[in-house]
Amino acid sequence: MKKLPFTCFFLLISLLGFSQYEYRDSNRIGIFFGVNQYTLDTKNFDAKPESGWNAGLSIRGNFYNNWDMVYGIQFSENNFTVATKNGVLLSEDVNYALPSAQIALQLSYKIVPNHLSVEFGPLIQLNGKLKLDTENENNIISGTTLFAKDIQDISKFNFYPTAGITFGIKHLRLNVSYQYGLLNTLGNLNSKNIGTNFKVNSSMLNGNVILYL
């Protein structure tokens, strides 16, 4: 993950250069920040969604008639909790933090130009390693024989179809979007022979404020 921000930054610059060439008079660069709620859908253990944060850059340019094309890079910290038992078998929800980066390419239909649009399209997400507090690493995940630290090395890649709505004024808008991961979020662990066959899909609800320059 250390080289990921630099890779994403240079990719965005490349997209910006292409967009400026194609849509010189209508291109808009947006800086955004906001919050997310990250959810794991699984029967392997009891997981609960928690709130995290987002920040990133986006480029919006005319595509065809009432359609825009939106490129974006989003950096996030996603959080969720898992039910565990601590050393004295007391119940304890352990918080996991997932650092991630997303690269998105979406079509946007302008319902009211500069004020209201709907977006949809694909994005890819690159994941870091799950983080948890050191004192919780040896908690036992409820319903399993696994330690909390055993599920940290999750899959590094996921593919999310996403849909959302953007509304506001010309230079300041709010975007709300929903993403659902099609790939097994913990599929990477199934090759490690740790005694559990994981089937986990992730989803995320985002709310971002966008400042268009």
C-alpha atoms as a PDB file:
ATOM      1  CA  MET A   1       0.000   0.000   0.000  1.00  0.00           C
ATOM      2  CA  LYS A   2       2.984   2.370   0.393  1.00  0.00           C
ATOM      3  CA  LYS A   3       3.329   2.910  -3.381  1.00  0.00           C
ATOM      4  CA  LEU A   4      -0.415   2.924  -4.013  1.00  0.00           C
ATOM      5  CA  PRO A   5      -1.072   6.673  -3.424  1.00  0.00           C
ATOM      6  CA  PHE A   6       1.704   7.592  -5.881  1.00  0.00           C
ATOM      7  CA  THR A   7       0.444   5.145  -8.521  1.00  0.00           C
ATOM      8  CA  CYS A   8      -3.103   6.447  -8.216  1.00  0.00           C
ATOM      9  CA  PHE A   9      -1.927  10.065  -8.318  1.00  0.00           C
ATOM     10  CA  PHE A  10      -0.018   9.591 -11.591  1.00  0.00           C
ATOM     11  CA  LEU A  11      -2.972   7.697 -13.073  1.00  0.00           C
ATOM     12  CA  LEU A  12      -5.278  10.589 -12.216  1.00  0.00           C
ATOM     13  CA  ILE A  13      -2.866  13.080 -13.789  1.00  0.00           C
ATOM     14  CA  SER A  14      -2.888  10.979 -16.975  1.00  0.00           C
ATOM     15  CA  LEU A  15      -6.673  10.916 -17.024  1.00  0.00           C
ATOM     16  CA  LEU A  16      -6.745  14.649 -16.404  1.00  0.00           C
ATOM     17  CA  GLY A  17      -4.455  15.282 -19.349  1.00  0.00           C
ATOM     18  CA  PHE A  18      -6.605  13.172 -21.636  1.00  0.00           C
ATOM     19  CA  SER A  19      -9.813  14.811 -20.440  1.00  0.00           C
ATOM     20  CA  GLN A  20      -8.413  18.314 -20.834  1.00  0.00           C
ATOM     21  CA  TYR A  21      -7.487  17.503 -24.405  1.00  0.00           C
ATOM     22  CA  GLU A  22     -10.904  16.101 -25.256  1.00  0.00           C
ATOM     23  CA  TYR A  23     -13.106  18.454 -23.222  1.00  0.00           C
ATOM     24  CA  ARG A  24     -11.021  21.573 -22.833  1.00  0.00           C
ATOM     25  CA  ASP A  25     -13.944  23.982 -22.329  1.00  0.00           C
ATOM     26  CA  SER A  26     -16.150  21.932 -20.012  1.00  0.00           C
ATOM     27  CA  ASN A  27     -13.863  19.914 -17.774  1.00  0.00           C
ATOM     28  CA  ARG A  28     -14.191  20.250 -13.994  1.00  0.00           C
ATOM     29  CA  ILE A  29     -11.807  19.026 -11.336  1.00  0.00           C
ATOM     30  CA  GLY A  30     -13.366  18.114  -8.005  1.00  0.00           C
ATOM     31  CA  ILE A  31     -11.841  17.663  -4.567  1.00  0.00           C
ATOM     32  CA  PHE A  32     -14.018  15.635  -2.215  1.00  0.00           C
ATOM     33  CA  PHE A  33     -14.160  14.308   1.314  1.00  0.00           C
ATOM     34  CA  GLY A  34     -16.816  12.499   3.295  1.00  0.00           C
ATOM     35  CA  VAL A  35     -17.841   9.448   5.283  1.00  0.00           C
ATOM     36  CA  ASN A  36     -18.671   5.832   4.546  1.00  0.00           C
ATOM     37  CA  GLN A  37     -20.319   2.832   6.131  1.00  0.00           C
ATOM     38  CA  TYR A  38     -18.625  -0.465   5.303  1.00  0.00           C
ATOM     39  CA  THR A  39     -20.497  -3.780   5.623  1.00  0.00           C
ATOM     40  CA  LEU A  40     -19.430  -7.424   5.357  1.00  0.00           C
ATOM     41  CA  ASP A  41     -22.109  -9.893   4.219  1.00  0.00           C
ATOM     42  CA  THR A  42     -21.095 -13.319   5.529  1.00  0.00           C
ATOM     43  CA  LYS A  43     -22.247 -16.340   7.515  1.00  0.00           C
ATOM     44  CA  ASN A  44     -18.712 -17.109   8.708  1.00  0.00           C
ATOM     45  CA  PHE A  45     -18.882 -14.718  11.673  1.00  0.00           C
ATOM     46  CA  ASP A  46     -20.935 -11.882  13.109  1.00  0.00           C
ATOM     47  CA  ALA A  47     -19.829  -8.569  11.560  1.00  0.00           C
ATOM     48  CA  LYS A  48     -21.333  -5.130  12.087  1.00  0.00           C
ATOM     49  CA  PRO A  49     -20.854  -2.012   9.916  1.00  0.00           C
ATOM     50  CA  GLU A  50     -19.040   1.018  11.270  1.00  0.00           C
ATOM     51  CA  SER A  51     -18.287   4.506   9.950  1.00  0.00           C
ATOM     52  CA  GLY A  52     -15.095   5.511   8.131  1.00  0.00           C
ATOM     53  CA  TRP A  53     -13.800   8.386   6.018  1.00  0.00           C
ATOM     54  CA  ASN A  54     -13.153   9.166   2.328  1.00  0.00           C
ATOM     55  CA  ALA A  55     -11.027  11.713   0.447  1.00  0.00           C
ATOM     56  CA  GLY A  56     -10.061  12.027  -3.190  1.00  0.00           C
ATOM     57  CA  LEU A  57     -10.162  13.708  -6.577  1.00  0.00           C
ATOM     58  CA  SER A  58     -12.591  13.474  -9.487  1.00  0.00           C
ATOM     59  CA  ILE A  59     -12.772  14.789 -13.039  1.00  0.00           C
ATOM     60  CA  ARG A  60     -16.105  15.489 -14.745  1.00  0.00           C
ATOM     61  CA  GLY A  61     -16.287  16.195 -18.489  1.00  0.00           C
ATOM     62  CA  ASN A  62     -18.952  16.310 -21.203  1.00  0.00           C
ATOM     63  CA  PHE A  63     -19.360  12.986 -22.989  1.00  0.00           C
ATOM     64  CA  TYR A  64     -22.445  13.126 -25.230  1.00  0.00           C
ATOM     65  CA  ASN A  65     -25.564  15.330 -25.073  1.00  0.00           C
ATOM     66  CA  ASN A  66     -26.833  15.083 -21.461  1.00  0.00           C
ATOM     67  CA  TRP A  67     -24.144  12.593 -20.459  1.00  0.00           C
ATOM     68  CA  ASP A  68     -20.924  13.296 -18.566  1.00  0.00           C
ATOM     69  CA  MET A  69     -17.989  11.005 -17.933  1.00  0.00           C
ATOM     70  CA  VAL A  70     -16.617  10.992 -14.382  1.00  0.00           C
ATOM     71  CA  TYR A  71     -13.169   9.708 -13.426  1.00  0.00           C
ATOM     72  CA  GLY A  72     -12.290   9.406  -9.775  1.00  0.00           C
ATOM     73  CA  ILE A  73      -9.744   8.222  -7.233  1.00  0.00           C
ATOM     74  CA  GLN A  74     -10.883   7.744  -3.644  1.00  0.00           C
ATOM     75  CA  PHE A  75      -8.792   6.923  -0.586  1.00  0.00           C
ATOM     76  CA  SER A  76     -10.700   5.502   2.375  1.00  0.00           C
ATOM     77  CA  GLU A  77     -10.480   4.005   5.797  1.00  0.00           C
ATOM     78  CA  ASN A  78     -13.279   1.461   6.150  1.00  0.00           C
ATOM     79  CA  ASN A  79     -14.286   0.133   9.559  1.00  0.00           C
ATOM     80  CA  PHE A  80     -16.312  -2.801  10.831  1.00  0.00           C
ATOM     81  CA  THR A  81     -16.517  -4.844  14.029  1.00  0.00           C
ATOM     82  CA  VAL A  82     -16.485  -8.610  14.567  1.00  0.00           C
ATOM     83  CA  ALA A  83     -17.926 -10.418  17.582  1.00  0.00           C
ATOM     84  CA  THR A  84     -15.181 -12.186  19.574  1.00  0.00           C
ATOM     85  CA  LYS A  85     -14.407 -13.767  22.935  1.00  0.00           C
ATOM     86  CA  ASN A  86     -11.489 -12.409  24.927  1.00  0.00           C
ATOM     87  CA  GLY A  87      -9.112 -14.341  27.197  1.00  0.00           C
ATOM     88  CA  VAL A  88     -11.726 -14.877  29.899  1.00  0.00           C
ATOM     89  CA  LEU A  89     -14.437 -15.757  27.354  1.00  0.00           C
ATOM     90  CA  LEU A  90     -16.246 -12.455  27.704  1.00  0.00           C
ATOM     91  CA  SER A  91     -17.938 -11.106  24.571  1.00  0.00           C
ATOM     92  CA  GLU A  92     -16.108  -8.227  22.907  1.00  0.00           C
ATOM     93  CA  ASP A  93     -16.623  -6.526  19.539  1.00  0.00           C
ATOM     94  CA  VAL A  94     -13.236  -6.006  17.862  1.00  0.00           C
ATOM     95  CA  ASN A  95     -12.827  -3.122  15.427  1.00  0.00           C
ATOM     96  CA  TYR A  96     -11.017  -3.673  12.128  1.00  0.00           C
ATOM     97  CA  ALA A  97      -9.798  -0.807   9.929  1.00  0.00           C
ATOM     98  CA  LEU A  98      -9.269  -1.372   6.208  1.00  0.00           C
ATOM     99  CA  PRO A  99      -7.165   1.175   4.263  1.00  0.00           C
ATOM    100  CA  SER A 100      -8.169   1.138   0.599  1.00  0.00           C
ATOM    101  CA  ALA A 101      -7.995   3.035  -2.676  1.00  0.00           C
ATOM    102  CA  GLN A 102     -10.580   3.046  -5.456  1.00  0.00           C
ATOM    103  CA  ILE A 103     -10.304   3.941  -9.122  1.00  0.00           C
ATOM    104  CA  ALA A 104     -13.671   4.643 -10.784  1.00  0.00           C
ATOM    105  CA  LEU A 105     -15.001   5.343 -14.271  1.00  0.00           C
ATOM    106  CA  GLN A 106     -18.679   6.313 -14.358  1.00  0.00           C
ATOM    107  CA  LEU A 107     -21.312   7.605 -16.721  1.00  0.00           C
ATOM    108  CA  SER A 108     -23.376  10.506 -15.389  1.00  0.00           C
ATOM    109  CA  TYR A 109     -26.782  11.528 -16.722  1.00  0.00           C
ATOM    110  CA  LYS A 110     -27.558  15.212 -16.144  1.00  0.00           C
ATOM    111  CA  ILE A 111     -31.196  15.572 -15.021  1.00  0.00           C
ATOM    112  CA  VAL A 112     -30.693  19.275 -14.250  1.00  0.00           C
ATOM    113  CA  PRO A 113     -27.318  20.538 -15.612  1.00  0.00           C
ATOM    114  CA  ASN A 114     -24.960  21.751 -12.850  1.00  0.00           C
ATOM    115  CA  HIS A 115     -27.480  20.756 -10.164  1.00  0.00           C
ATOM    116  CA  LEU A 116     -28.705  17.146 -10.350  1.00  0.00           C
ATOM    117  CA  SER A 117     -27.323  13.990 -11.954  1.00  0.00           C
ATOM    118  CA  VAL A 118     -27.248  10.218 -11.494  1.00  0.00           C
ATOM    119  CA  GLU A 119     -24.092   8.142 -11.906  1.00  0.00           C
ATOM    120  CA  PHE A 120     -23.338   4.482 -12.456  1.00  0.00           C
ATOM    121  CA  GLY A 121     -20.372   2.400 -13.515  1.00  0.00           C
ATOM    122  CA  PRO A 122     -17.534   0.133 -12.403  1.00  0.00           C
ATOM    123  CA  LEU A 123     -14.712   0.691  -9.978  1.00  0.00           C
ATOM    124  CA  ILE A 124     -11.840  -1.355  -8.675  1.00  0.00           C
ATOM    125  CA  GLN A 125     -10.710  -1.316  -5.064  1.00  0.00           C
ATOM    126  CA  LEU A 126      -7.183  -2.065  -3.857  1.00  0.00           C
ATOM    127  CA  ASN A 127      -7.024  -3.176  -0.226  1.00  0.00           C
ATOM    128  CA  GLY A 128      -4.355  -2.987   2.423  1.00  0.00           C
ATOM    129  CA  LYS A 129      -4.086  -5.335   5.391  1.00  0.00           C
ATOM    130  CA  LEU A 130      -6.757  -5.204   8.064  1.00  0.00           C
ATOM    131  CA  LYS A 131      -5.634  -3.319  11.163  1.00  0.00           C
ATOM    132  CA  LEU A 132      -6.725  -4.017  14.744  1.00  0.00           C
ATOM    133  CA  ASP A 133      -5.476  -3.145  18.198  1.00  0.00           C
ATOM    134  CA  THR A 134      -2.620  -5.339  19.437  1.00  0.00           C
ATOM    135  CA  GLU A 135      -4.449  -6.234  22.644  1.00  0.00           C
ATOM    136  CA  ASN A 136      -7.282  -7.792  20.589  1.00  0.00           C
ATOM    137  CA  GLU A 137      -5.161  -9.933  18.255  1.00  0.00           C
ATOM    138  CA  ASN A 138      -5.600 -13.143  20.275  1.00  0.00           C
ATOM    139  CA  ASN A 139      -9.343 -12.811  20.835  1.00  0.00           C
ATOM    140  CA  ILE A 140     -11.273 -15.788  19.459  1.00  0.00           C
ATOM    141  CA  ILE A 141     -13.755 -14.918  16.692  1.00  0.00           C
ATOM    142  CA  SER A 142     -17.170 -16.065  17.920  1.00  0.00           C
ATOM    143  CA  GLY A 143     -18.432 -19.217  16.205  1.00  0.00           C
ATOM    144  CA  THR A 144     -14.934 -20.191  15.004  1.00  0.00           C
ATOM    145  CA  THR A 145     -11.594 -21.365  16.372  1.00  0.00           C
ATOM    146  CA  LEU A 146      -9.745 -18.477  14.716  1.00  0.00           C
ATOM    147  CA  PHE A 147      -7.877 -15.681  16.410  1.00  0.00           C
ATOM    148  CA  ALA A 148      -8.835 -12.127  15.456  1.00  0.00           C
ATOM    149  CA  LYS A 149      -5.423 -11.683  13.804  1.00  0.00           C
ATOM    150  CA  ASP A 150      -5.979 -14.694  11.508  1.00  0.00           C
ATOM    151  CA  ILE A 151      -8.219 -12.788   9.080  1.00  0.00           C
ATOM    152  CA  GLN A 152      -6.031  -9.700   8.598  1.00  0.00           C
ATOM    153  CA  ASP A 153      -4.482 -10.659   5.246  1.00  0.00           C
ATOM    154  CA  ILE A 154      -7.590 -10.223   3.096  1.00  0.00           C
ATOM    155  CA  SER A 155      -7.850 -10.160  -0.713  1.00  0.00           C
ATOM    156  CA  LYS A 156      -5.996  -7.219  -2.238  1.00  0.00           C
ATOM    157  CA  PHE A 157      -8.420  -6.572  -5.101  1.00  0.00           C
ATOM    158  CA  ASN A 158     -12.176  -6.251  -5.527  1.00  0.00           C
ATOM    159  CA  PHE A 159     -14.583  -5.135  -8.234  1.00  0.00           C
ATOM    160  CA  TYR A 160     -17.568  -2.966  -7.338  1.00  0.00           C
ATOM    161  CA  PRO A 161     -20.474  -1.910  -9.551  1.00  0.00           C
ATOM    162  CA  THR A 162     -21.677   1.406  -8.124  1.00  0.00           C
ATOM    163  CA  ALA A 163     -24.641   3.747  -8.489  1.00  0.00           C
ATOM    164  CA  GLY A 164     -25.302   7.154  -6.970  1.00  0.00           C
ATOM    165  CA  ILE A 165     -26.769  10.608  -7.167  1.00  0.00           C
ATOM    166  CA  THR A 166     -25.076  14.028  -7.149  1.00  0.00           C
ATOM    167  CA  PHE A 167     -26.876  17.260  -6.336  1.00  0.00           C
ATOM    168  CA  GLY A 168     -26.121  20.845  -5.374  1.00  0.00           C
ATOM    169  CA  ILE A 169     -24.853  23.996  -7.059  1.00  0.00           C
ATOM    170  CA  LYS A 170     -22.263  24.442  -9.792  1.00  0.00           C
ATOM    171  CA  HIS A 171     -19.170  24.405  -7.595  1.00  0.00           C
ATOM    172  CA  LEU A 172     -20.395  22.579  -4.468  1.00  0.00           C
ATOM    173  CA  ARG A 173     -22.312  19.304  -4.551  1.00  0.00           C
ATOM    174  CA  LEU A 174     -23.144  16.279  -2.430  1.00  0.00           C
ATOM    175  CA  ASN A 175     -22.723  12.764  -3.803  1.00  0.00           C
ATOM    176  CA  VAL A 176     -24.355   9.692  -2.259  1.00  0.00           C
ATOM    177  CA  SER A 177     -23.446   6.293  -3.723  1.00  0.00           C
ATOM    178  CA  TYR A 178     -23.780   2.582  -3.028  1.00  0.00           C
ATOM    179  CA  GLN A 179     -21.183  -0.038  -3.963  1.00  0.00           C
ATOM    180  CA  TYR A 180     -21.393  -3.838  -3.810  1.00  0.00           C
ATOM    181  CA  GLY A 181     -18.306  -6.032  -4.117  1.00  0.00           C
ATOM    182  CA  LEU A 182     -18.675  -8.974  -6.495  1.00  0.00           C
ATOM    183  CA  LEU A 183     -15.540 -10.823  -5.398  1.00  0.00           C
ATOM    184  CA  ASN A 184     -14.915 -12.744  -2.178  1.00  0.00           C
ATOM    185  CA  THR A 185     -13.374 -10.206   0.210  1.00  0.00           C
ATOM    186  CA  LEU A 186     -11.687 -12.938   2.284  1.00  0.00           C
ATOM    187  CA  GLY A 187     -11.065 -15.283  -0.642  1.00  0.00           C
ATOM    188  CA  ASN A 188      -7.314 -14.834  -0.213  1.00  0.00           C
ATOM    189  CA  LEU A 189      -7.550 -16.660   3.126  1.00  0.00           C
ATOM    190  CA  ASN A 190      -9.064 -19.794   1.564  1.00  0.00           C
ATOM    191  CA  SER A 191      -5.652 -20.746   0.171  1.00  0.00           C
ATOM    192  CA  LYS A 192      -3.977 -20.554   3.589  1.00  0.00           C
ATOM    193  CA  ASN A 193      -5.591 -23.699   5.076  1.00  0.00           C
ATOM    194  CA  ILE A 194      -6.618 -22.053   8.331  1.00  0.00           C
ATOM    195  CA  GLY A 195      -9.666 -24.300   8.792  1.00  0.00           C
ATOM    196  CA  THR A 196     -12.481 -22.111   7.459  1.00  0.00           C
ATOM    197  CA  ASN A 197     -13.931 -21.703   3.970  1.00  0.00           C
ATOM    198  CA  PHE A 198     -14.709 -18.001   3.729  1.00  0.00           C
ATOM    199  CA  LYS A 199     -17.489 -16.528   1.618  1.00  0.00           C
ATOM    200  CA  VAL A 200     -17.674 -12.781   2.234  1.00  0.00           C
ATOM    201  CA  ASN A 201     -19.053  -9.959   0.087  1.00  0.00           C
ATOM    202  CA  SER A 202     -18.516  -6.344   1.044  1.00  0.00           C
ATOM    203  CA  SER A 203     -20.590  -3.250   0.368  1.00  0.00           C
ATOM    204  CA  MET A 204     -20.153   0.427   1.087  1.00  0.00           C
ATOM    205  CA  LEU A 205     -22.446   3.441   1.376  1.00  0.00           C
ATOM    206  CA  ASN A 206     -20.649   6.739   0.698  1.00  0.00           C
ATOM    207  CA  GLY A 207     -21.579  10.354   1.341  1.00  0.00           C
ATOM    208  CA  ASN A 208     -19.089  12.884  -0.098  1.00  0.00           C
ATOM    209  CA  VAL A 209     -19.008  16.674  -0.408  1.00  0.00           C
ATOM    210  CA  ILE A 210     -17.440  17.728  -3.748  1.00  0.00           C
ATOM    211  CA  LEU A 211     -15.808  21.092  -4.343  1.00  0.00           C
ATOM    212  CA  TYR A 212     -15.476  21.751  -8.108  1.00  0.00           C
ATOM    213  CA  LEU A 213     -12.648  24.120  -9.000  1.00  0.00           C
END
